[in-house]
């Protein structure tokens, strides 16, 4: 099942990433900028938050890829060890 995500502004002004199809719309990630940052960024806070979320999703994807590769390597090692135990 594929999910769609949206960047939303919470009642307290925080920026969040949430599933668009989630009835509770509970944020997956919340970004809170300091008052000093908000004064500097203004309305560009959404562009900065989007860039931060994209970078986080890319990093999470890289981690998932590394874990999948590691699992495949472990499985290949197990199969190789099983073949060594077989009599032909």
PDB file of N, CA and C in Angstrom:
ATOM      1  N   UNK A   1       0.835  -1.176   0.000  1.00  0.00           N
ATOM      2  CA  UNK A   1       0.000   0.000   0.000  1.00  0.00           C
ATOM      3  C   UNK A   1       0.883   1.245   0.000  1.00  0.00           C
ATOM      4  N   UNK A   2       0.642   2.122  -0.903  1.00  0.00           N
ATOM      5  CA  UNK A   2       1.418   3.338  -1.043  1.00  0.00           C
ATOM      6  C   UNK A   2       0.755   4.457  -0.242  1.00  0.00           C
ATOM      7  N   UNK A   3       1.575   5.244   0.413  1.00  0.00           N
ATOM      8  CA  UNK A   3       1.056   6.365   1.186  1.00  0.00           C
ATOM      9  C   UNK A   3       1.488   7.668   0.539  1.00  0.00           C
ATOM     10  N   UNK A   4       0.640   8.658   0.669  1.00  0.00           N
ATOM     11  CA  UNK A   4       0.989  10.006   0.252  1.00  0.00           C
ATOM     12  C   UNK A   4       1.267  10.802   1.511  1.00  0.00           C
ATOM     13  N   UNK A   5       2.259  11.660   1.426  1.00  0.00           N
ATOM     14  CA  UNK A   5       2.652  12.469   2.564  1.00  0.00           C
ATOM     15  C   UNK A   5       2.428  13.937   2.253  1.00  0.00           C
ATOM     16  N   UNK A   6       2.208  14.700   3.303  1.00  0.00           N
ATOM     17  CA  UNK A   6       2.047  16.133   3.129  1.00  0.00           C
ATOM     18  C   UNK A   6       2.793  16.867   4.232  1.00  0.00           C
ATOM     19  N   UNK A   7       3.273  18.034   3.881  1.00  0.00           N
ATOM     20  CA  UNK A   7       3.909  18.909   4.863  1.00  0.00           C
ATOM     21  C   UNK A   7       2.830  19.869   5.329  1.00  0.00           C
ATOM     22  N   UNK A   8       2.639  19.902   6.643  1.00  0.00           N
ATOM     23  CA  UNK A   8       1.564  20.710   7.220  1.00  0.00           C
ATOM     24  C   UNK A   8       2.123  21.649   8.284  1.00  0.00           C
ATOM     25  N   UNK A   9       1.358  22.682   8.577  1.00  0.00           N
ATOM     26  CA  UNK A   9       1.698  23.555   9.695  1.00  0.00           C
ATOM     27  C   UNK A   9       0.749  23.231  10.837  1.00  0.00           C
ATOM     28  N   UNK A  10       1.311  22.944  11.997  1.00  0.00           N
ATOM     29  CA  UNK A  10       0.507  22.630  13.172  1.00  0.00           C
ATOM     30  C   UNK A  10      -0.010  23.909  13.813  1.00  0.00           C
ATOM     31  N   UNK A  11      -0.969  23.749  14.694  1.00  0.00           N
ATOM     32  CA  UNK A  11      -1.581  24.904  15.363  1.00  0.00           C
ATOM     33  C   UNK A  11      -0.547  25.771  16.088  1.00  0.00           C
ATOM     34  N   UNK A  12       0.513  25.140  16.600  1.00  0.00           N
ATOM     35  CA  UNK A  12       1.532  25.890  17.341  1.00  0.00           C
ATOM     36  C   UNK A  12       2.597  26.504  16.430  1.00  0.00           C
ATOM     37  N   UNK A  13       2.446  26.338  15.105  1.00  0.00           N
ATOM     38  CA  UNK A  13       3.393  26.922  14.157  1.00  0.00           C
ATOM     39  C   UNK A  13       4.491  25.988  13.704  1.00  0.00           C
ATOM     40  N   UNK A  14       4.601  24.814  14.339  1.00  0.00           N
ATOM     41  CA  UNK A  14       5.594  23.830  13.913  1.00  0.00           C
ATOM     42  C   UNK A  14       5.233  23.308  12.527  1.00  0.00           C
ATOM     43  N   UNK A  15       6.232  22.848  11.808  1.00  0.00           N
ATOM     44  CA  UNK A  15       6.031  22.238  10.496  1.00  0.00           C
ATOM     45  C   UNK A  15       6.174  20.732  10.684  1.00  0.00           C
ATOM     46  N   UNK A  16       5.289  19.967  10.038  1.00  0.00           N
ATOM     47  CA  UNK A  16       5.294  18.521  10.253  1.00  0.00           C
ATOM     48  C   UNK A  16       5.077  17.775   8.945  1.00  0.00           C
ATOM     49  N   UNK A  17       5.552  16.538   8.926  1.00  0.00           N
ATOM     50  CA  UNK A  17       5.289  15.611   7.835  1.00  0.00           C
ATOM     51  C   UNK A  17       4.273  14.603   8.346  1.00  0.00           C
ATOM     52  N   UNK A  18       3.179  14.437   7.605  1.00  0.00           N
ATOM     53  CA  UNK A  18       2.119  13.519   8.021  1.00  0.00           C
ATOM     54  C   UNK A  18       1.622  12.751   6.809  1.00  0.00           C
ATOM     55  N   UNK A  19       1.045  11.575   7.074  1.00  0.00           N
ATOM     56  CA  UNK A  19       0.393  10.820   6.003  1.00  0.00           C
ATOM     57  C   UNK A  19      -0.894  11.541   5.632  1.00  0.00           C
ATOM     58  N   UNK A  20      -1.095  11.738   4.349  1.00  0.00           N
ATOM     59  CA  UNK A  20      -2.285  12.461   3.895  1.00  0.00           C
ATOM     60  C   UNK A  20      -3.549  11.665   4.146  1.00  0.00           C
ATOM     61  N   UNK A  21      -3.433  10.324   4.139  1.00  0.00           N
ATOM     62  CA  UNK A  21      -4.620   9.479   4.285  1.00  0.00           C
ATOM     63  C   UNK A  21      -4.854   9.019   5.719  1.00  0.00           C
ATOM     64  N   UNK A  22      -4.105   9.566   6.671  1.00  0.00           N
ATOM     65  CA  UNK A  22      -4.245   9.194   8.081  1.00  0.00           C
ATOM     66  C   UNK A  22      -5.311  10.076   8.726  1.00  0.00           C
ATOM     67  N   UNK A  23      -6.376   9.453   9.215  1.00  0.00           N
ATOM     68  CA  UNK A  23      -7.462  10.226   9.839  1.00  0.00           C
ATOM     69  C   UNK A  23      -6.978  11.018  11.042  1.00  0.00           C
ATOM     70  N   UNK A  24      -6.090  10.413  11.828  1.00  0.00           N
ATOM     71  CA  UNK A  24      -5.553  11.109  13.004  1.00  0.00           C
ATOM     72  C   UNK A  24      -4.571  12.195  12.587  1.00  0.00           C
ATOM     73  N   UNK A  25      -4.004  12.024  11.377  1.00  0.00           N
ATOM     74  CA  UNK A  25      -3.017  12.965  10.839  1.00  0.00           C
ATOM     75  C   UNK A  25      -1.894  13.215  11.838  1.00  0.00           C
ATOM     76  N   UNK A  26      -1.526  12.150  12.569  1.00  0.00           N
ATOM     77  CA  UNK A  26      -0.431  12.259  13.525  1.00  0.00           C
ATOM     78  C   UNK A  26       0.879  12.428  12.767  1.00  0.00           C
ATOM     79  N   UNK A  27       1.645  13.459  13.088  1.00  0.00           N
ATOM     80  CA  UNK A  27       2.892  13.720  12.359  1.00  0.00           C
ATOM     81  C   UNK A  27       3.906  12.591  12.516  1.00  0.00           C
ATOM     82  N   UNK A  28       4.603  12.310  11.424  1.00  0.00           N
ATOM     83  CA  UNK A  28       5.715  11.367  11.463  1.00  0.00           C
ATOM     84  C   UNK A  28       6.980  12.078  11.928  1.00  0.00           C
ATOM     85  N   UNK A  29       7.088  13.340  11.535  1.00  0.00           N
ATOM     86  CA  UNK A  29       8.234  14.177  11.880  1.00  0.00           C
ATOM     87  C   UNK A  29       7.710  15.576  12.167  1.00  0.00           C
ATOM     88  N   UNK A  30       8.262  16.204  13.183  1.00  0.00           N
ATOM     89  CA  UNK A  30       7.893  17.580  13.507  1.00  0.00           C
ATOM     90  C   UNK A  30       9.157  18.421  13.561  1.00  0.00           C
ATOM     91  N   UNK A  31       9.101  19.595  12.967  1.00  0.00           N
ATOM     92  CA  UNK A  31      10.241  20.518  12.977  1.00  0.00           C
ATOM     93  C   UNK A  31       9.799  21.803  13.669  1.00  0.00           C
ATOM     94  N   UNK A  32      10.568  22.174  14.674  1.00  0.00           N
ATOM     95  CA  UNK A  32      10.271  23.410  15.423  1.00  0.00           C
ATOM     96  C   UNK A  32      11.457  24.356  15.255  1.00  0.00           C
ATOM     97  N   UNK A  33      11.181  25.533  14.742  1.00  0.00           N
ATOM     98  CA  UNK A  33      12.204  26.553  14.575  1.00  0.00           C
ATOM     99  C   UNK A  33      12.172  27.502  15.772  1.00  0.00           C
ATOM    100  N   UNK A  34      13.334  27.965  16.175  1.00  0.00           N
ATOM    101  CA  UNK A  34      13.404  28.959  17.251  1.00  0.00           C
ATOM    102  C   UNK A  34      12.863  30.286  16.735  1.00  0.00           C
ATOM    103  N   UNK A  35      12.546  31.179  17.658  1.00  0.00           N
ATOM    104  CA  UNK A  35      12.062  32.511  17.277  1.00  0.00           C
ATOM    105  C   UNK A  35      13.104  33.249  16.436  1.00  0.00           C
ATOM    106  N   UNK A  36      14.355  33.077  16.788  1.00  0.00           N
ATOM    107  CA  UNK A  36      15.439  33.710  16.024  1.00  0.00           C
ATOM    108  C   UNK A  36      15.469  33.182  14.589  1.00  0.00           C
ATOM    109  N   UNK A  37      15.311  31.865  14.434  1.00  0.00           N
ATOM    110  CA  UNK A  37      15.284  31.259  13.095  1.00  0.00           C
ATOM    111  C   UNK A  37      14.079  31.741  12.305  1.00  0.00           C
ATOM    112  N   UNK A  38      12.929  31.807  12.962  1.00  0.00           N
ATOM    113  CA  UNK A  38      11.707  32.269  12.281  1.00  0.00           C
ATOM    114  C   UNK A  38      11.840  33.715  11.809  1.00  0.00           C
ATOM    115  N   UNK A  39      12.489  34.546  12.625  1.00  0.00           N
ATOM    116  CA  UNK A  39      12.684  35.942  12.240  1.00  0.00           C
ATOM    117  C   UNK A  39      13.559  36.036  10.995  1.00  0.00           C
ATOM    118  N   UNK A  40      14.512  35.152  10.891  1.00  0.00           N
ATOM    119  CA  UNK A  40      15.404  35.130   9.730  1.00  0.00           C
ATOM    120  C   UNK A  40      14.730  34.521   8.508  1.00  0.00           C
ATOM    121  N   UNK A  41      14.019  33.409   8.702  1.00  0.00           N
ATOM    122  CA  UNK A  41      13.443  32.660   7.581  1.00  0.00           C
ATOM    123  C   UNK A  41      12.133  33.229   7.055  1.00  0.00           C
ATOM    124  N   UNK A  42      11.299  33.725   7.942  1.00  0.00           N
ATOM    125  CA  UNK A  42       9.983  34.198   7.535  1.00  0.00           C
ATOM    126  C   UNK A  42       9.187  33.057   6.910  1.00  0.00           C
ATOM    127  N   UNK A  43       8.531  33.336   5.800  1.00  0.00           N
ATOM    128  CA  UNK A  43       7.715  32.315   5.123  1.00  0.00           C
ATOM    129  C   UNK A  43       8.562  31.227   4.462  1.00  0.00           C
ATOM    130  N   UNK A  44       9.864  31.450   4.333  1.00  0.00           N
ATOM    131  CA  UNK A  44      10.743  30.430   3.755  1.00  0.00           C
ATOM    132  C   UNK A  44      10.971  29.254   4.691  1.00  0.00           C
ATOM    133  N   UNK A  45      10.372  29.316   5.881  1.00  0.00           N
ATOM    134  CA  UNK A  45      10.523  28.193   6.812  1.00  0.00           C
ATOM    135  C   UNK A  45      10.000  26.899   6.178  1.00  0.00           C
ATOM    136  N   UNK A  46       9.004  26.980   5.308  1.00  0.00           N
ATOM    137  CA  UNK A  46       8.462  25.783   4.664  1.00  0.00           C
ATOM    138  C   UNK A  46       9.462  25.193   3.671  1.00  0.00           C
ATOM    139  N   UNK A  47      10.180  26.071   2.952  1.00  0.00           N
ATOM    140  CA  UNK A  47      11.203  25.585   2.021  1.00  0.00           C
ATOM    141  C   UNK A  47      12.340  24.899   2.776  1.00  0.00           C
ATOM    142  N   UNK A  48      12.741  25.479   3.882  1.00  0.00           N
ATOM    143  CA  UNK A  48      13.804  24.888   4.694  1.00  0.00           C
ATOM    144  C   UNK A  48      13.326  23.567   5.298  1.00  0.00           C
ATOM    145  N   UNK A  49      12.106  23.562   5.822  1.00  0.00           N
ATOM    146  CA  UNK A  49      11.554  22.330   6.401  1.00  0.00           C
ATOM    147  C   UNK A  49      11.455  21.241   5.341  1.00  0.00           C
ATOM    148  N   UNK A  50      11.024  21.597   4.141  1.00  0.00           N
ATOM    149  CA  UNK A  50      10.921  20.617   3.051  1.00  0.00           C
ATOM    150  C   UNK A  50      12.290  20.031   2.738  1.00  0.00           C
ATOM    151  N   UNK A  51      13.317  20.874   2.658  1.00  0.00           N
ATOM    152  CA  UNK A  51      14.673  20.395   2.387  1.00  0.00           C
ATOM    153  C   UNK A  51      15.154  19.471   3.507  1.00  0.00           C
ATOM    154  N   UNK A  52      14.830  19.814   4.751  1.00  0.00           N
ATOM    155  CA  UNK A  52      15.223  18.980   5.889  1.00  0.00           C
ATOM    156  C   UNK A  52      14.522  17.620   5.824  1.00  0.00           C
ATOM    157  N   UNK A  53      13.245  17.623   5.496  1.00  0.00           N
ATOM    158  CA  UNK A  53      12.477  16.381   5.405  1.00  0.00           C
ATOM    159  C   UNK A  53      12.995  15.519   4.260  1.00  0.00           C
ATOM    160  N   UNK A  54      13.269  16.130   3.110  1.00  0.00           N
ATOM    161  CA  UNK A  54      13.794  15.382   1.970  1.00  0.00           C
ATOM    162  C   UNK A  54      15.136  14.749   2.303  1.00  0.00           C
ATOM    163  N   UNK A  55      16.002  15.495   2.985  1.00  0.00           N
ATOM    164  CA  UNK A  55      17.305  14.953   3.374  1.00  0.00           C
ATOM    165  C   UNK A  55      17.136  13.789   4.352  1.00  0.00           C
ATOM    166  N   UNK A  56      16.202  13.923   5.278  1.00  0.00           N
ATOM    167  CA  UNK A  56      15.941  12.850   6.232  1.00  0.00           C
ATOM    168  C   UNK A  56      15.399  11.602   5.559  1.00  0.00           C
ATOM    169  N   UNK A  57      14.504  11.787   4.583  1.00  0.00           N
ATOM    170  CA  UNK A  57      13.944  10.639   3.872  1.00  0.00           C
ATOM    171  C   UNK A  57      15.013   9.947   3.026  1.00  0.00           C
ATOM    172  N   UNK A  58      15.902  10.733   2.433  1.00  0.00           N
ATOM    173  CA  UNK A  58      16.996  10.146   1.659  1.00  0.00           C
ATOM    174  C   UNK A  58      17.924   9.342   2.571  1.00  0.00           C
ATOM    175  N   UNK A  59      18.246   9.891   3.735  1.00  0.00           N
ATOM    176  CA  UNK A  59      19.099   9.181   4.687  1.00  0.00           C
ATOM    177  C   UNK A  59      18.422   7.895   5.174  1.00  0.00           C
ATOM    178  N   UNK A  60      17.122   7.960   5.438  1.00  0.00           N
ATOM    179  CA  UNK A  60      16.391   6.771   5.873  1.00  0.00           C
ATOM    180  C   UNK A  60      16.373   5.717   4.761  1.00  0.00           C
ATOM    181  N   UNK A  61      16.241   6.153   3.513  1.00  0.00           N
ATOM    182  CA  UNK A  61      16.286   5.227   2.380  1.00  0.00           C
ATOM    183  C   UNK A  61      17.643   4.563   2.262  1.00  0.00           C
ATOM    184  N   UNK A  62      18.713   5.338   2.468  1.00  0.00           N
ATOM    185  CA  UNK A  62      20.063   4.771   2.434  1.00  0.00           C
ATOM    186  C   UNK A  62      20.251   3.727   3.529  1.00  0.00           C
ATOM    187  N   UNK A  63      19.735   4.017   4.713  1.00  0.00           N
ATOM    188  CA  UNK A  63      19.830   3.069   5.828  1.00  0.00           C
ATOM    189  C   UNK A  63      19.076   1.790   5.491  1.00  0.00           C
ATOM    190  N   UNK A  64      17.876   1.920   4.928  1.00  0.00           N
ATOM    191  CA  UNK A  64      17.079   0.747   4.549  1.00  0.00           C
ATOM    192  C   UNK A  64      17.815  -0.081   3.497  1.00  0.00           C
ATOM    193  N   UNK A  65      18.442   0.587   2.536  1.00  0.00           N
ATOM    194  CA  UNK A  65      19.215  -0.124   1.508  1.00  0.00           C
ATOM    195  C   UNK A  65      20.382  -0.887   2.126  1.00  0.00           C
ATOM    196  N   UNK A  66      21.090  -0.247   3.047  1.00  0.00           N
ATOM    197  CA  UNK A  66      22.222  -0.891   3.711  1.00  0.00           C
ATOM    198  C   UNK A  66      21.766  -2.109   4.517  1.00  0.00           C
ATOM    199  N   UNK A  67      20.642  -1.982   5.200  1.00  0.00           N
ATOM    200  CA  UNK A  67      20.123  -3.105   5.980  1.00  0.00           C
ATOM    201  C   UNK A  67      19.716  -4.257   5.068  1.00  0.00           C
ATOM    202  N   UNK A  68      19.093  -3.939   3.929  1.00  0.00           N
ATOM    203  CA  UNK A  68      18.683  -4.976   2.979  1.00  0.00           C
ATOM    204  C   UNK A  68      19.904  -5.686   2.400  1.00  0.00           C
ATOM    205  N   UNK A  69      20.939  -4.919   2.053  1.00  0.00           N
ATOM    206  CA  UNK A  69      22.170  -5.522   1.533  1.00  0.00           C
ATOM    207  C   UNK A  69      22.804  -6.446   2.569  1.00  0.00           C
ATOM    208  N   UNK A  70      22.831  -5.999   3.808  1.00  0.00           N
ATOM    209  CA  UNK A  70      23.408  -6.800   4.876  1.00  0.00           C
ATOM    210  C   UNK A  70      22.636  -8.103   5.063  1.00  0.00           C
ATOM    211  N   UNK A  71      21.300  -8.008   5.009  1.00  0.00           N
ATOM    212  CA  UNK A  71      20.472  -9.214   5.154  1.00  0.00           C
ATOM    213  C   UNK A  71      20.719 -10.178   3.992  1.00  0.00           C
ATOM    214  N   UNK A  72      20.854  -9.656   2.779  1.00  0.00           N
ATOM    215  CA  UNK A  72      21.119 -10.502   1.617  1.00  0.00           C
ATOM    216  C   UNK A  72      22.485 -11.166   1.718  1.00  0.00           C
ATOM    217  N   UNK A  73      23.474 -10.421   2.193  1.00  0.00           N
ATOM    218  CA  UNK A  73      24.805 -10.999   2.383  1.00  0.00           C
ATOM    219  C   UNK A  73      24.772 -12.113   3.422  1.00  0.00           C
ATOM    220  N   UNK A  74      24.050 -11.892   4.518  1.00  0.00           N
ATOM    221  CA  UNK A  74      23.922 -12.919   5.552  1.00  0.00           C
ATOM    222  C   UNK A  74      23.234 -14.159   5.005  1.00  0.00           C
ATOM    223  N   UNK A  75      22.190 -13.970   4.215  1.00  0.00           N
ATOM    224  CA  UNK A  75      21.480 -15.091   3.615  1.00  0.00           C
ATOM    225  C   UNK A  75      22.380 -15.847   2.648  1.00  0.00           C
ATOM    226  N   UNK A  76      23.152 -15.119   1.844  1.00  0.00           N
ATOM    227  CA  UNK A  76      24.072 -15.761   0.901  1.00  0.00           C
ATOM    228  C   UNK A  76      25.123 -16.564   1.658  1.00  0.00           C
ATOM    229  N   UNK A  77      25.618 -16.023   2.773  1.00  0.00           N
ATOM    230  CA  UNK A  77      26.595 -16.750   3.590  1.00  0.00           C
ATOM    231  C   UNK A  77      25.986 -18.024   4.160  1.00  0.00           C
ATOM    232  N   UNK A  78      24.746 -17.943   4.637  1.00  0.00           N
ATOM    233  CA  UNK A  78      24.066 -19.118   5.184  1.00  0.00           C
ATOM    234  C   UNK A  78      23.874 -20.182   4.116  1.00  0.00           C
ATOM    235  N   UNK A  79      23.472 -19.778   2.917  1.00  0.00           N
ATOM    236  CA  UNK A  79      23.290 -20.729   1.819  1.00  0.00           C
ATOM    237  C   UNK A  79      24.613 -21.365   1.431  1.00  0.00           C
ATOM    238  N   UNK A  80      25.660 -20.569   1.410  1.00  0.00           N
ATOM    239  CA  UNK A  80      26.985 -21.080   1.073  1.00  0.00           C
ATOM    240  C   UNK A  80      27.434 -22.110   2.103  1.00  0.00           C
ATOM    241  N   UNK A  81      27.203 -21.829   3.384  1.00  0.00           N
ATOM    242  CA  UNK A  81      27.573 -22.770   4.436  1.00  0.00           C
ATOM    243  C   UNK A  81      26.738 -24.043   4.346  1.00  0.00           C
ATOM    244  N   UNK A  82      25.470 -23.925   3.973  1.00  0.00           N
ATOM    245  CA  UNK A  82      24.598 -25.095   3.826  1.00  0.00           C
ATOM    246  C   UNK A  82      25.096 -25.969   2.685  1.00  0.00           C
ATOM    247  N   UNK A  83      25.512 -25.361   1.574  1.00  0.00           N
ATOM    248  CA  UNK A  83      26.022 -26.119   0.441  1.00  0.00           C
ATOM    249  C   UNK A  83      27.271 -26.895   0.816  1.00  0.00           C
ATOM    250  N   UNK A  84      28.110 -26.324   1.686  1.00  0.00           N
ATOM    251  CA  UNK A  84      29.333 -27.001   2.098  1.00  0.00           C
ATOM    252  C   UNK A  84      29.015 -28.246   2.907  1.00  0.00           C
ATOM    253  N   UNK A  85      27.884 -28.248   3.617  1.00  0.00           N
ATOM    254  CA  UNK A  85      27.526 -29.404   4.441  1.00  0.00           C
ATOM    255  C   UNK A  85      26.860 -30.523   3.643  1.00  0.00           C
ATOM    256  N   UNK A  86      26.379 -30.207   2.436  1.00  0.00           N
ATOM    257  CA  UNK A  86      25.680 -31.200   1.620  1.00  0.00           C
ATOM    258  C   UNK A  86      26.674 -32.174   0.992  1.00  0.00           C
ATOM    259  N   UNK A  87      26.262 -33.424   0.956  1.00  0.00           N
ATOM    260  CA  UNK A  87      27.030 -34.433   0.262  1.00  0.00           C
ATOM    261  C   UNK A  87      26.476 -34.549  -1.143  1.00  0.00           C
ATOM    262  N   UNK A  88      27.345 -34.617  -2.127  1.00  0.00           N
ATOM    263  CA  UNK A  88      26.886 -34.726  -3.515  1.00  0.00           C
ATOM    264  C   UNK A  88      27.054 -36.125  -4.015  1.00  0.00           C
TER     265      UNK A  88
END
